[in-house]
Amino acid sequence: MKGYWWTFVTVLVLSFTLVFTGCGPDDADPAEEEPEEAPDPDRKVEEIVINTTTMDYDPARNEVARWVGDTFETELGVDVEVQPREFTTLVDSARRDPGESEWQAITLGWSGRIERADPDMFTHTLFHSDQAYDGGNNYHNYESDEYDELAEQARMAFDEDERQELVYEMQEKLAEDIPMIVLYNEAEHQAQNVERWDNVIQTPEGKYSEWFPYYAEPLTDDDHFRIGYTQDLDTFNPLAATTVFEWKLLRLNYDKLFRVGPDMELRPWMAEDHEVVDEQTIDVELRDGLEFHDGEPVTPRDVKFTFDYMTDWGVGYFAGFLDPLDEVELLEDETIRFHLEEPNATFLTNTLTQIVILPKHIWGDLVEPEEDHVWGEMMDDPSQSEGLSHPDEYENEEAIGSGPYELDYWNRGEEISLVRNENYFDHPDYYDADEIDVERISYIIYGHEEGVMGGLEHEEIDLVGDAYMSDYVDRVEEMEHVEYSGHTSIGFHYLSFDLSEPPFEDHAFREAAAHLIDAEELLDIVHGGYGEPGGAGRVISPSVEFWRNPDVPEYPFDPDRAVEILEDAGYEFYDGDLYYPED
């Protein structure tokens, strides 16, 4: 199997080399005319660092980064260093304070989790200027007063057609300003053993979703559902989790007030009832009888504690979802009242579907509250802490939540196993907890796709947890016990720029770069044409048709136009190198 894996990687590399070699002039200067005298060497465009995944982790994304680097060198005369990084390190390097990035460009992706179908995640949370900070999601450091105003208006638009128009305008503005370039919406290839399980439902994020345990039916006496994964978790701490691998599992272990159903409709979950009192006030009534995995009751105080705690500690990933919140109040009848800073049409669908509820009796004893922390007012003796400086340092080895499954064991690098929460509540509208047939869910860690495919062939796993490379589709379809399915992801892969420093702080340079990305050709080479080609501003997937603007400005692949844009902006080409405009 190892030979197959490296043969695949070699073929991929050769494919890029054969297709893209010669895109630009052979060993020629990009510009037709050079200045008579050499420009000041201090004006030379410095080396561009592109961070990306390792070849083992994601050969396609790694090769995309290398092709981008080669194209920039060939067509623009700039030196490029492509730096592969282990995935978690790569994510951490992306989320740095403005001006502290060690890269000028980075290739990453946002997964298509179902709760991201609301456009707020990929418009406001990724690009509003108040998200440009250490740990924030606007790590392009994009700042635009015009865009911020559109994003804020969209959050306040309760009329869906009005909000759609604003979301369309935001996509156009992103296409105009080019803080990132969407490379493609990946085809989410799925593979399931249909001889062992039936009714593993297809959702907008695929078969591996938070919903599969409620519907799956075993075809044998074995009620143990096994999922093949390429990547282990780094943490079970929801305040430290940053990757899709962590969150797709944590949302089974922890619970939320609302969930987005497989039909993409909002479902009250821990919340039994809610009322929009006015555009800035939402009341939520918690279900009776909810319990954490250790038997302690879930109370409205745990809910208030969770929101106060995450807000006070400034949890990076959640900050964009929490920033509409002004205050959480407990009314006399135990109703939880959310007061918002301003009217917000996305609070139910975007915030309350993302925030997992923490047990106050565990998290409240970890860290001593700071002077201005609201959550400390709820603790009897907040000085009795474990001495951590921030709750994201907590190992959370027992992972006590209140979700439908609870952690049984975690053998790092090998397997994670969850067991059904026998005390989980019955939902009157959707399921009876005693009728859930999946008693145990195990995540088998293989480290790379070839291992996962071997596990699928030998019936070691029931479902592939990751979307896999298109090269494996034919192989999967030849497996008699396996059913193939696929769809275009809500999420996307992208090339992001650091707009806080040269050269990408200059719009002309980003516009030139946009004309050097052949998204359709990339998709053909990397995924055999499966999926949807991207482009600047294409942050909303065609899978979410209502919110996707089909008419955003486009930047066709045109190296000559890229050079023309730079020359018009005052850049100079000399002896194969690119120089900044004179001051």
Protein backbone atom coordinates (compact mmCIF):
# COMPACT_ATOMS: atom_id res chain seq x y z
CA MET A 1 0.00 0.00 0.00
CA LYS A 2 2.86 2.33 0.69
CA GLY A 3 3.96 1.95 -2.92
CA TYR A 4 0.51 2.93 -4.15
CA TRP A 5 0.54 6.06 -1.97
CA TRP A 6 3.88 7.32 -3.24
CA THR A 7 3.00 6.44 -6.82
CA PHE A 8 -0.09 8.65 -6.44
CA VAL A 9 1.98 11.51 -5.02
CA THR A 10 4.55 11.17 -7.82
CA VAL A 11 1.83 11.23 -10.49
CA LEU A 12 0.28 14.33 -8.90
CA VAL A 13 3.61 16.15 -8.88
CA LEU A 14 4.32 15.19 -12.50
CA SER A 15 0.82 16.30 -13.50
CA PHE A 16 1.43 19.78 -12.15
CA THR A 17 4.85 19.91 -13.77
CA LEU A 18 3.59 18.86 -17.20
CA VAL A 19 0.51 21.09 -17.18
CA PHE A 20 1.95 24.27 -15.75
CA THR A 21 5.56 24.24 -17.00
CA GLY A 22 5.74 26.86 -19.67
CA CYS A 23 2.76 28.91 -18.54
CA GLY A 24 5.04 31.94 -18.75
CA PRO A 25 7.83 32.96 -21.11
CA ASP A 26 10.84 30.63 -21.12
CA ASP A 27 13.59 32.24 -19.06
CA ALA A 28 12.45 35.64 -20.26
CA ASP A 29 11.83 38.78 -18.27
CA PRO A 30 8.11 39.23 -17.51
CA ALA A 31 8.05 42.76 -18.94
CA GLU A 32 8.70 43.70 -22.54
CA GLU A 33 10.72 46.79 -21.66
CA GLU A 34 13.16 47.24 -18.79
CA PRO A 35 14.48 50.48 -17.31
CA GLU A 36 17.85 51.58 -18.69
CA GLU A 37 19.40 51.64 -15.22
CA ALA A 38 19.05 49.07 -12.48
CA PRO A 39 16.48 50.15 -9.85
CA ASP A 40 17.52 50.78 -6.27
CA PRO A 41 18.08 47.28 -4.77
CA ASP A 42 16.12 48.33 -1.66
CA ARG A 43 13.03 48.45 -3.88
CA LYS A 44 13.28 44.80 -4.87
CA VAL A 45 10.21 42.80 -3.86
CA GLU A 46 11.41 40.57 -1.06
CA GLU A 47 10.97 36.80 -0.89
CA ILE A 48 7.38 35.68 -0.42
CA VAL A 49 6.77 32.89 2.11
CA ILE A 50 3.78 30.63 1.44
CA ASN A 51 2.77 28.33 4.31
CA THR A 52 0.94 25.13 3.42
CA THR A 53 0.28 21.57 4.56
CA THR A 54 2.82 18.77 4.34
CA MET A 55 2.74 16.42 1.36
CA ASP A 56 1.80 13.50 3.62
CA TYR A 57 -1.15 15.35 5.13
CA ASP A 58 -2.60 16.87 1.95
CA PRO A 59 -0.59 16.37 -1.26
CA ALA A 60 -3.08 18.35 -3.34
CA ARG A 61 -2.96 21.49 -1.21
CA ASN A 62 0.81 21.22 -0.94
CA GLU A 63 1.16 21.06 -4.72
CA VAL A 64 -1.25 23.97 -5.20
CA ALA A 65 1.03 26.08 -3.00
CA ARG A 66 4.09 24.99 -4.98
CA TRP A 67 2.38 25.78 -8.26
CA VAL A 68 1.39 29.23 -7.00
CA GLY A 69 4.98 29.81 -5.91
CA ASP A 70 6.40 28.64 -9.25
CA THR A 71 3.93 30.83 -11.15
CA PHE A 72 4.79 33.92 -9.10
CA GLU A 73 8.49 33.30 -9.71
CA THR A 74 8.07 32.67 -13.44
CA GLU A 75 5.57 35.40 -14.26
CA LEU A 76 6.43 38.12 -11.74
CA GLY A 77 10.10 37.61 -11.04
CA VAL A 78 9.75 37.26 -7.25
CA ASP A 79 11.44 34.65 -5.08
CA VAL A 80 9.05 32.33 -3.25
CA GLU A 81 9.68 29.89 -0.41
CA VAL A 82 6.96 27.29 0.18
CA GLN A 83 7.03 26.15 3.81
CA PRO A 84 5.09 22.94 4.56
CA ARG A 85 3.89 22.69 8.17
CA GLU A 86 2.14 20.10 10.28
CA PHE A 87 -1.57 20.90 10.16
CA THR A 88 -2.13 22.17 13.69
CA THR A 89 1.06 24.23 13.52
CA LEU A 90 -0.17 25.65 10.23
CA VAL A 91 -3.50 26.70 11.76
CA ASP A 92 -1.72 28.26 14.74
CA SER A 93 0.62 30.17 12.44
CA ALA A 94 -2.37 31.60 10.58
CA ARG A 95 -4.04 33.02 13.69
CA ARG A 96 -1.38 35.56 14.67
CA ASP A 97 -1.68 39.22 15.56
CA PRO A 98 -1.63 41.61 12.56
CA GLY A 99 1.97 42.21 11.55
CA GLU A 100 3.31 39.14 13.37
CA SER A 101 2.69 36.52 10.68
CA GLU A 102 5.67 34.52 9.48
CA TRP A 103 4.08 34.18 6.05
CA GLN A 104 2.85 36.45 3.29
CA ALA A 105 0.42 33.89 1.86
CA ILE A 106 -1.08 30.66 3.16
CA THR A 107 -3.16 27.80 1.75
CA LEU A 108 -5.84 26.50 4.11
CA GLY A 109 -9.48 25.51 4.04
CA TRP A 110 -12.76 25.94 5.90
CA SER A 111 -14.76 22.74 6.28
CA GLY A 112 -18.40 22.60 5.25
CA ARG A 113 -19.99 21.88 8.62
CA ILE A 114 -23.75 22.23 8.41
CA GLU A 115 -23.95 25.13 10.90
CA ARG A 116 -21.85 27.15 8.42
CA ALA A 117 -24.67 27.22 5.89
CA ASP A 118 -25.63 30.60 7.35
CA PRO A 119 -23.52 33.13 5.40
CA ASP A 120 -22.47 35.04 8.53
CA MET A 121 -19.58 32.63 9.18
CA PHE A 122 -17.94 33.12 5.79
CA THR A 123 -18.73 36.83 5.44
CA HIS A 124 -18.75 38.57 8.83
CA THR A 125 -16.60 36.24 10.96
CA LEU A 126 -13.81 35.88 8.40
CA PHE A 127 -13.58 39.45 7.17
CA HIS A 128 -14.93 42.02 9.63
CA SER A 129 -12.06 44.14 10.93
CA ASP A 130 -12.92 43.43 14.57
CA GLN A 131 -11.89 39.81 13.94
CA ALA A 132 -8.30 40.79 13.01
CA TYR A 133 -6.43 39.90 16.21
CA ASP A 134 -4.36 37.08 17.67
CA GLY A 135 -6.60 34.01 17.48
CA GLY A 136 -9.24 35.74 15.36
CA ASN A 137 -10.59 34.41 12.09
CA ASN A 138 -9.70 37.48 9.99
CA TYR A 139 -6.05 36.52 9.71
CA HIS A 140 -5.81 38.19 6.30
CA ASN A 141 -5.90 41.43 8.38
CA TYR A 142 -8.49 42.81 5.99
CA GLU A 143 -9.85 46.21 7.02
CA SER A 144 -12.53 48.07 5.11
CA ASP A 145 -15.03 50.50 6.62
CA GLU A 146 -17.34 49.91 3.68
CA TYR A 147 -17.23 46.15 4.13
CA ASP A 148 -17.68 46.38 7.90
CA GLU A 149 -20.81 48.47 7.39
CA LEU A 150 -22.25 45.92 4.95
CA ALA A 151 -21.47 43.07 7.36
CA GLU A 152 -23.11 44.89 10.26
CA GLN A 153 -26.19 45.76 8.21
CA ALA A 154 -26.51 42.12 7.12
CA ARG A 155 -26.52 40.97 10.73
CA MET A 156 -29.32 43.43 11.49
CA ALA A 157 -31.44 42.55 8.44
CA PHE A 158 -34.35 40.40 9.63
CA ASP A 159 -35.95 40.46 6.17
CA GLU A 160 -34.34 37.58 4.27
CA ASP A 161 -34.46 39.26 0.86
CA GLU A 162 -32.85 42.40 2.26
CA ARG A 163 -30.15 40.31 3.90
CA GLN A 164 -29.55 38.38 0.67
CA GLU A 165 -28.92 41.64 -1.17
CA LEU A 166 -26.36 42.69 1.45
CA VAL A 167 -24.64 39.29 1.36
CA TYR A 168 -24.43 39.64 -2.44
CA GLU A 169 -22.80 43.06 -2.02
CA MET A 170 -20.28 41.64 0.45
CA GLN A 171 -19.22 38.97 -2.05
CA GLU A 172 -18.76 41.66 -4.70
CA LYS A 173 -16.69 43.76 -2.30
CA LEU A 174 -14.47 40.78 -1.44
CA ALA A 175 -14.00 40.09 -5.13
CA GLU A 176 -12.99 43.71 -5.62
CA ASP A 177 -10.59 43.91 -2.65
CA ILE A 178 -9.14 40.35 -2.89
CA PRO A 179 -8.07 39.59 0.69
CA MET A 180 -8.15 35.92 -0.28
CA ILE A 181 -8.74 33.81 -3.36
CA VAL A 182 -11.01 30.79 -3.06
CA LEU A 183 -9.29 27.99 -4.96
CA TYR A 184 -12.22 25.57 -5.08
CA ASN A 185 -15.18 24.10 -3.22
CA GLU A 186 -14.02 20.57 -2.70
CA ALA A 187 -16.05 17.55 -3.75
CA GLU A 188 -16.89 15.75 -0.49
CA HIS A 189 -16.40 12.13 -1.53
CA GLN A 190 -18.10 9.72 0.89
CA ALA A 191 -17.72 5.96 1.29
CA GLN A 192 -19.82 3.75 3.58
CA ASN A 193 -19.98 0.02 4.29
CA VAL A 194 -23.62 -0.72 3.38
CA GLU A 195 -23.41 -4.37 4.45
CA ARG A 196 -23.05 -3.34 8.10
CA TRP A 197 -25.15 -0.17 8.40
CA ASP A 198 -28.27 1.22 6.77
CA ASN A 199 -29.84 4.68 6.79
CA VAL A 200 -26.63 6.64 7.36
CA ILE A 201 -28.25 9.77 6.01
CA GLN A 202 -26.69 12.15 3.52
CA THR A 203 -26.64 15.74 4.82
CA PRO A 204 -25.29 18.97 3.30
CA GLU A 205 -21.96 18.20 5.00
CA GLY A 206 -21.95 14.51 4.04
CA LYS A 207 -22.70 11.28 5.87
CA TYR A 208 -20.34 11.93 8.74
CA SER A 209 -22.32 14.59 10.53
CA GLU A 210 -23.70 15.07 14.02
CA TRP A 211 -26.95 13.51 12.77
CA PHE A 212 -25.86 10.06 11.63
CA PRO A 213 -26.23 8.35 15.07
CA TYR A 214 -29.91 9.33 15.29
CA TYR A 215 -30.77 7.56 12.03
CA ALA A 216 -28.22 4.78 11.44
CA GLU A 217 -29.49 1.19 11.72
CA PRO A 218 -27.16 -1.82 12.15
CA LEU A 219 -27.55 -4.72 9.70
CA THR A 220 -25.67 -7.10 12.02
CA ASP A 221 -25.53 -7.68 15.77
CA ASP A 222 -22.61 -5.25 16.03
CA ASP A 223 -23.73 -1.78 17.20
CA HIS A 224 -20.17 -0.37 17.17
CA PHE A 225 -19.78 2.27 14.42
CA ARG A 226 -16.19 2.80 13.23
CA ILE A 227 -14.99 5.87 11.33
CA GLY A 228 -11.65 6.05 9.52
CA TYR A 229 -9.68 9.26 10.03
CA THR A 230 -6.38 10.60 8.77
CA GLN A 231 -5.85 13.07 11.63
CA ASP A 232 -5.84 12.68 15.39
CA LEU A 233 -7.19 15.37 17.69
CA ASP A 234 -4.85 17.72 19.49
CA THR A 235 -7.29 18.48 22.28
CA PHE A 236 -10.67 17.72 23.83
CA ASN A 237 -10.79 21.24 25.22
CA PRO A 238 -13.52 23.17 23.34
CA LEU A 239 -11.83 26.46 24.25
CA ALA A 240 -8.63 25.34 22.54
CA ALA A 241 -10.08 23.42 19.59
CA THR A 242 -9.47 25.02 16.20
CA THR A 243 -9.72 22.24 13.58
CA VAL A 244 -12.61 20.46 11.89
CA PHE A 245 -11.32 17.13 13.25
CA GLU A 246 -11.85 18.34 16.79
CA TRP A 247 -15.21 20.04 16.28
CA LYS A 248 -16.88 17.25 14.35
CA LEU A 249 -16.26 15.02 17.36
CA LEU A 250 -16.73 17.55 20.17
CA ARG A 251 -20.27 18.38 19.05
CA LEU A 252 -21.23 14.78 19.84
CA ASN A 253 -19.62 15.01 23.28
CA TYR A 254 -20.98 18.49 24.11
CA ASP A 255 -24.45 19.87 23.54
CA LYS A 256 -25.85 23.16 22.28
CA LEU A 257 -29.02 25.15 22.80
CA PHE A 258 -29.89 24.83 19.10
CA ARG A 259 -28.64 22.68 16.24
CA VAL A 260 -28.96 23.05 12.47
CA GLY A 261 -30.84 20.01 11.20
CA PRO A 262 -30.00 17.88 8.16
CA ASP A 263 -32.65 19.91 6.33
CA MET A 264 -30.65 23.07 7.28
CA GLU A 265 -33.55 24.24 9.46
CA LEU A 266 -33.03 25.49 13.01
CA ARG A 267 -33.89 22.90 15.67
CA PRO A 268 -34.34 23.82 19.36
CA TRP A 269 -32.18 21.28 21.19
CA MET A 270 -31.25 21.86 24.82
CA ALA A 271 -33.66 24.77 24.48
CA GLU A 272 -37.24 23.60 24.92
CA ASP A 273 -38.68 26.94 23.89
CA HIS A 274 -37.56 30.41 22.88
CA GLU A 275 -39.05 33.82 22.22
CA VAL A 276 -37.66 36.75 20.26
CA VAL A 277 -38.82 39.45 22.69
CA ASP A 278 -37.53 42.17 20.39
CA GLU A 279 -34.67 42.60 17.93
CA GLN A 280 -32.13 42.83 20.78
CA THR A 281 -33.63 40.42 23.31
CA ILE A 282 -34.06 36.64 23.09
CA ASP A 283 -35.47 34.43 25.85
CA VAL A 284 -34.58 30.74 26.04
CA GLU A 285 -36.20 28.13 28.27
CA LEU A 286 -34.01 25.12 29.06
CA ARG A 287 -35.42 21.58 28.95
CA ASP A 288 -36.03 19.81 32.24
CA GLY A 289 -33.97 16.79 33.23
CA LEU A 290 -30.76 17.55 31.31
CA GLU A 291 -27.62 16.01 32.84
CA PHE A 292 -23.89 16.23 32.36
CA HIS A 293 -22.02 12.96 31.86
CA ASP A 294 -21.00 12.91 35.55
CA GLY A 295 -24.64 13.00 36.65
CA GLU A 296 -24.73 16.67 37.66
CA PRO A 297 -27.81 18.54 36.36
CA VAL A 298 -27.52 21.06 33.54
CA THR A 299 -29.06 24.30 34.79
CA PRO A 300 -29.63 27.80 33.41
CA ARG A 301 -26.67 28.87 35.55
CA ASP A 302 -24.42 26.60 33.46
CA VAL A 303 -25.68 28.32 30.32
CA LYS A 304 -25.09 31.82 31.67
CA PHE A 305 -21.69 30.74 33.00
CA THR A 306 -20.67 29.36 29.60
CA PHE A 307 -21.43 32.55 27.69
CA ASP A 308 -19.89 34.81 30.36
CA TYR A 309 -16.83 32.57 30.64
CA MET A 310 -16.11 32.40 26.91
CA THR A 311 -16.73 36.13 26.47
CA ASP A 312 -14.50 37.10 29.40
CA TRP A 313 -11.63 34.85 28.35
CA GLY A 314 -11.73 35.93 24.71
CA VAL A 315 -11.81 32.50 23.10
CA GLY A 316 -10.50 33.18 19.59
CA TYR A 317 -12.60 30.81 17.50
CA PHE A 318 -15.83 31.77 19.27
CA ALA A 319 -15.22 35.52 19.47
CA GLY A 320 -16.97 36.26 16.19
CA PHE A 321 -20.08 34.43 17.38
CA LEU A 322 -20.08 36.05 20.82
CA ASP A 323 -19.43 39.66 19.85
CA PRO A 324 -23.16 40.47 19.30
CA LEU A 325 -23.79 39.61 22.97
CA ASP A 326 -24.13 42.34 25.57
CA GLU A 327 -25.30 40.43 28.64
CA VAL A 328 -26.85 37.15 29.75
CA GLU A 329 -29.50 37.49 32.44
CA LEU A 330 -31.30 34.84 34.50
CA LEU A 331 -34.92 35.78 35.13
CA GLU A 332 -36.81 34.72 38.24
CA ASP A 333 -38.50 31.83 36.44
CA GLU A 334 -35.07 30.51 35.28
CA THR A 335 -35.57 31.83 31.76
CA ILE A 336 -32.24 32.68 30.13
CA ARG A 337 -32.40 36.15 28.59
CA PHE A 338 -29.81 37.16 25.98
CA HIS A 339 -29.37 40.92 25.60
CA LEU A 340 -27.67 41.90 22.33
CA GLU A 341 -25.55 44.97 21.63
CA GLU A 342 -27.71 45.73 18.60
CA PRO A 343 -30.34 43.97 16.48
CA ASN A 344 -28.95 40.71 15.12
CA ALA A 345 -30.73 38.36 12.72
CA THR A 346 -28.05 35.65 13.01
CA PHE A 347 -27.83 35.14 16.77
CA LEU A 348 -30.08 32.08 16.83
CA THR A 349 -28.76 30.45 13.67
CA ASN A 350 -25.11 31.36 14.04
CA THR A 351 -24.27 31.92 17.72
CA LEU A 352 -26.58 29.59 19.62
CA THR A 353 -25.82 26.73 17.20
CA GLN A 354 -22.06 27.08 17.76
CA ILE A 355 -21.55 27.57 21.50
CA VAL A 356 -21.30 24.33 23.50
CA ILE A 357 -22.53 24.38 27.10
CA LEU A 358 -19.85 23.83 29.76
CA PRO A 359 -20.34 22.43 33.29
CA LYS A 360 -19.78 25.32 35.69
CA HIS A 361 -18.77 22.94 38.49
CA ILE A 362 -15.72 21.87 36.45
CA TRP A 363 -14.64 24.89 34.42
CA GLY A 364 -15.30 27.39 37.18
CA ASP A 365 -12.57 25.85 39.34
CA LEU A 366 -9.77 25.90 36.78
CA VAL A 367 -8.65 29.51 36.63
CA GLU A 368 -8.94 32.44 38.99
CA PRO A 369 -11.13 35.13 37.40
CA GLU A 370 -9.65 38.47 36.49
CA GLU A 371 -11.00 41.64 38.06
CA ASP A 372 -13.46 42.51 35.28
CA HIS A 373 -14.70 38.96 34.63
CA VAL A 374 -18.46 38.55 35.01
CA TRP A 375 -18.32 34.77 35.41
CA GLY A 376 -16.40 35.08 38.69
CA GLU A 377 -19.49 36.58 40.33
CA MET A 378 -21.19 33.18 39.99
CA MET A 379 -18.50 31.26 41.91
CA ASP A 380 -18.67 30.64 45.65
CA ASP A 381 -14.87 30.70 46.08
CA PRO A 382 -13.17 31.64 42.79
CA SER A 383 -9.73 31.64 44.45
CA GLN A 384 -9.73 27.82 44.59
CA SER A 385 -8.32 27.32 41.09
CA GLU A 386 -5.86 24.89 39.54
CA GLY A 387 -3.40 27.66 38.81
CA LEU A 388 -3.83 27.86 35.03
CA SER A 389 -3.39 31.22 33.35
CA HIS A 390 -6.13 30.55 30.76
CA PRO A 391 -8.75 27.80 30.46
CA ASP A 392 -7.46 26.85 27.01
CA GLU A 393 -4.52 25.24 28.87
CA TYR A 394 -6.80 22.67 30.52
CA GLU A 395 -6.19 19.08 29.35
CA ASN A 396 -9.88 18.16 29.82
CA GLU A 397 -9.02 14.46 29.93
CA GLU A 398 -12.49 13.39 31.12
CA ALA A 399 -14.27 15.70 28.66
CA ILE A 400 -17.46 15.99 30.73
CA GLY A 401 -20.20 17.40 28.53
CA SER A 402 -23.91 16.69 28.17
CA GLY A 403 -24.01 15.52 24.54
CA PRO A 404 -25.43 12.27 23.13
CA TYR A 405 -22.04 10.53 23.44
CA GLU A 406 -19.33 10.61 26.09
CA LEU A 407 -15.61 9.91 25.92
CA ASP A 408 -14.62 6.36 26.87
CA TYR A 409 -10.94 6.35 25.93
CA TRP A 410 -8.38 8.09 23.73
CA ASN A 411 -5.29 6.21 22.60
CA ARG A 412 -3.39 9.06 20.99
CA GLY A 413 -2.47 8.44 17.39
CA GLU A 414 -4.51 5.24 17.25
CA GLU A 415 -8.13 5.44 18.34
CA ILE A 416 -10.76 7.60 20.05
CA SER A 417 -13.88 5.88 21.35
CA LEU A 418 -17.18 7.38 22.52
CA VAL A 419 -20.09 5.53 24.12
CA ARG A 420 -23.76 6.44 24.03
CA ASN A 421 -24.96 8.67 26.86
CA GLU A 422 -27.64 6.49 28.46
CA ASN A 423 -29.12 9.48 30.27
CA TYR A 424 -29.55 11.63 27.17
CA PHE A 425 -32.91 13.33 26.84
CA ASP A 426 -35.77 12.32 24.57
CA HIS A 427 -36.64 14.92 21.96
CA PRO A 428 -40.40 15.02 21.40
CA ASP A 429 -40.04 16.14 17.79
CA TYR A 430 -37.09 14.14 16.49
CA TYR A 431 -36.14 10.97 18.40
CA ASP A 432 -36.50 8.73 21.43
CA ALA A 433 -33.06 8.38 23.04
CA ASP A 434 -33.63 4.68 23.81
CA GLU A 435 -34.11 4.02 20.09
CA ILE A 436 -30.66 5.27 19.08
CA ASP A 437 -28.96 2.11 17.76
CA VAL A 438 -25.34 3.30 17.67
CA GLU A 439 -23.95 2.29 21.08
CA ARG A 440 -20.30 3.12 20.42
CA ILE A 441 -18.50 5.37 17.92
CA SER A 442 -14.78 4.83 17.38
CA TYR A 443 -12.40 6.94 15.33
CA ILE A 444 -9.60 4.83 13.88
CA ILE A 445 -6.55 6.97 13.09
CA TYR A 446 -4.60 5.89 9.99
CA GLY A 447 -2.49 8.99 9.35
CA HIS A 448 -3.07 9.17 5.58
CA GLU A 449 -5.74 8.41 3.01
CA GLU A 450 -4.16 5.20 1.75
CA GLY A 451 -4.45 3.71 5.22
CA VAL A 452 -8.10 4.75 5.46
CA MET A 453 -8.83 3.16 2.07
CA GLY A 454 -7.16 -0.05 3.21
CA GLY A 455 -9.31 -0.04 6.34
CA LEU A 456 -12.42 0.41 4.20
CA GLU A 457 -11.43 -2.45 1.87
CA HIS A 458 -10.75 -4.83 4.77
CA GLU A 459 -13.96 -3.81 6.60
CA GLU A 460 -12.10 -2.36 9.57
CA ILE A 461 -14.22 0.80 9.31
CA ASP A 462 -17.80 1.61 8.37
CA LEU A 463 -17.37 5.15 7.08
CA VAL A 464 -14.60 7.40 5.79
CA GLY A 465 -14.52 10.44 8.05
CA ASP A 466 -12.54 12.73 5.77
CA ALA A 467 -13.36 13.76 2.24
CA TYR A 468 -10.79 11.88 0.16
CA MET A 469 -8.92 12.55 -3.07
CA SER A 470 -10.80 12.04 -6.32
CA ASP A 471 -8.16 9.53 -7.42
CA TYR A 472 -9.75 7.05 -5.01
CA VAL A 473 -13.30 7.27 -6.42
CA ASP A 474 -12.88 4.43 -8.93
CA ARG A 475 -11.27 2.24 -6.28
CA VAL A 476 -14.15 2.87 -3.88
CA GLU A 477 -16.76 2.09 -6.53
CA GLU A 478 -15.11 -1.31 -7.10
CA MET A 479 -15.68 -2.33 -3.45
CA GLU A 480 -18.83 -4.47 -3.43
CA HIS A 481 -19.64 -3.79 0.23
CA VAL A 482 -19.21 -0.01 -0.10
CA GLU A 483 -21.53 2.71 -1.42
CA TYR A 484 -20.06 5.88 -2.90
CA SER A 485 -21.76 9.26 -2.56
CA GLY A 486 -20.58 12.81 -3.01
CA HIS A 487 -21.55 16.46 -3.03
CA THR A 488 -19.99 19.91 -3.31
CA SER A 489 -18.85 21.16 0.08
CA ILE A 490 -20.28 24.20 1.85
CA GLY A 491 -16.68 24.98 2.76
CA PHE A 492 -13.74 25.89 0.53
CA HIS A 493 -9.97 25.77 0.10
CA TYR A 494 -8.24 29.09 -0.38
CA LEU A 495 -5.09 31.15 -0.77
CA SER A 496 -5.05 33.92 1.83
CA PHE A 497 -2.81 36.98 1.85
CA ASP A 498 -1.42 38.97 4.78
CA LEU A 499 -2.66 42.48 4.00
CA SER A 500 -0.73 44.05 6.88
CA GLU A 501 2.63 44.09 5.07
CA PRO A 502 4.16 44.15 1.57
CA PRO A 503 3.67 42.97 -1.04
CA PHE A 504 0.05 41.93 -0.48
CA GLU A 505 -0.93 45.11 1.33
CA ASP A 506 -0.94 46.62 -2.18
CA HIS A 507 -4.21 46.01 -4.02
CA ALA A 508 -2.44 46.09 -7.39
CA PHE A 509 -0.23 43.18 -6.33
CA ARG A 510 -3.25 41.17 -5.17
CA GLU A 511 -5.08 41.92 -8.42
CA ALA A 512 -2.09 40.72 -10.39
CA ALA A 513 -1.96 37.58 -8.24
CA ALA A 514 -5.65 36.92 -8.94
CA HIS A 515 -4.90 36.80 -12.68
CA LEU A 516 -2.28 34.10 -12.02
CA ILE A 517 -4.68 31.58 -10.42
CA ASP A 518 -6.31 29.25 -12.95
CA ALA A 519 -8.99 27.82 -10.64
CA GLU A 520 -10.59 25.54 -13.23
CA GLU A 521 -7.26 24.02 -14.24
CA LEU A 522 -6.31 23.53 -10.61
CA LEU A 523 -9.57 21.72 -9.91
CA ASP A 524 -9.08 19.44 -12.91
CA ILE A 525 -5.55 18.52 -11.86
CA VAL A 526 -6.13 18.19 -8.12
CA HIS A 527 -9.61 16.66 -8.04
CA GLY A 528 -10.25 15.42 -11.55
CA GLY A 529 -12.83 18.15 -12.08
CA TYR A 530 -14.94 17.14 -9.05
CA GLY A 531 -16.12 20.18 -7.10
CA GLU A 532 -16.53 23.82 -8.05
CA PRO A 533 -13.76 26.21 -9.17
CA GLY A 534 -13.30 29.26 -6.99
CA GLY A 535 -12.13 32.82 -7.42
CA ALA A 536 -11.92 36.08 -5.51
CA GLY A 537 -15.11 36.69 -3.51
CA ARG A 538 -16.43 33.14 -4.02
CA VAL A 539 -16.82 32.50 -0.29
CA ILE A 540 -20.39 31.16 -0.54
CA SER A 541 -20.66 27.68 -2.02
CA PRO A 542 -23.08 26.82 -4.83
CA SER A 543 -24.45 24.28 -2.32
CA VAL A 544 -26.00 27.28 -0.52
CA GLU A 545 -27.67 28.66 -3.62
CA PHE A 546 -29.83 31.32 -1.98
CA TRP A 547 -26.85 33.22 -0.56
CA ARG A 548 -24.38 32.76 -3.44
CA ASN A 549 -23.92 35.73 -5.75
CA PRO A 550 -23.47 34.25 -9.25
CA ASP A 551 -22.22 37.53 -10.73
CA VAL A 552 -19.15 38.54 -8.73
CA PRO A 553 -16.27 40.09 -10.72
CA GLU A 554 -13.90 37.52 -12.21
CA TYR A 555 -10.15 37.50 -12.83
CA PRO A 556 -9.44 35.19 -15.76
CA PHE A 557 -6.05 33.50 -15.88
CA ASP A 558 -3.94 36.02 -17.79
CA PRO A 559 -0.23 36.43 -16.93
CA ASP A 560 0.16 39.28 -19.42
CA ARG A 561 -2.64 41.19 -17.71
CA ALA A 562 -0.96 40.58 -14.33
CA VAL A 563 2.25 42.19 -15.59
CA GLU A 564 0.31 45.09 -17.12
CA ILE A 565 -1.45 45.79 -13.80
CA LEU A 566 1.85 45.94 -11.94
CA GLU A 567 3.49 48.19 -14.52
CA ASP A 568 0.51 50.54 -14.46
CA ALA A 569 0.93 50.73 -10.67
CA GLY A 570 4.58 51.74 -11.04
CA TYR A 571 6.33 48.42 -10.47
CA GLU A 572 9.42 47.78 -12.57
CA PHE A 573 10.90 44.59 -13.96
CA TYR A 574 14.68 44.40 -14.29
CA ASP A 575 16.92 41.42 -15.03
CA GLY A 576 14.17 38.97 -14.12
CA ASP A 577 13.30 40.63 -10.79
CA LEU A 578 10.36 42.75 -9.66
CA TYR A 579 10.81 46.14 -7.97
CA TYR A 580 8.33 48.20 -5.96
CA PRO A 581 7.17 51.58 -7.31
CA GLU A 582 9.28 54.57 -6.37
CA ASP A 583 8.03 56.57 -3.39
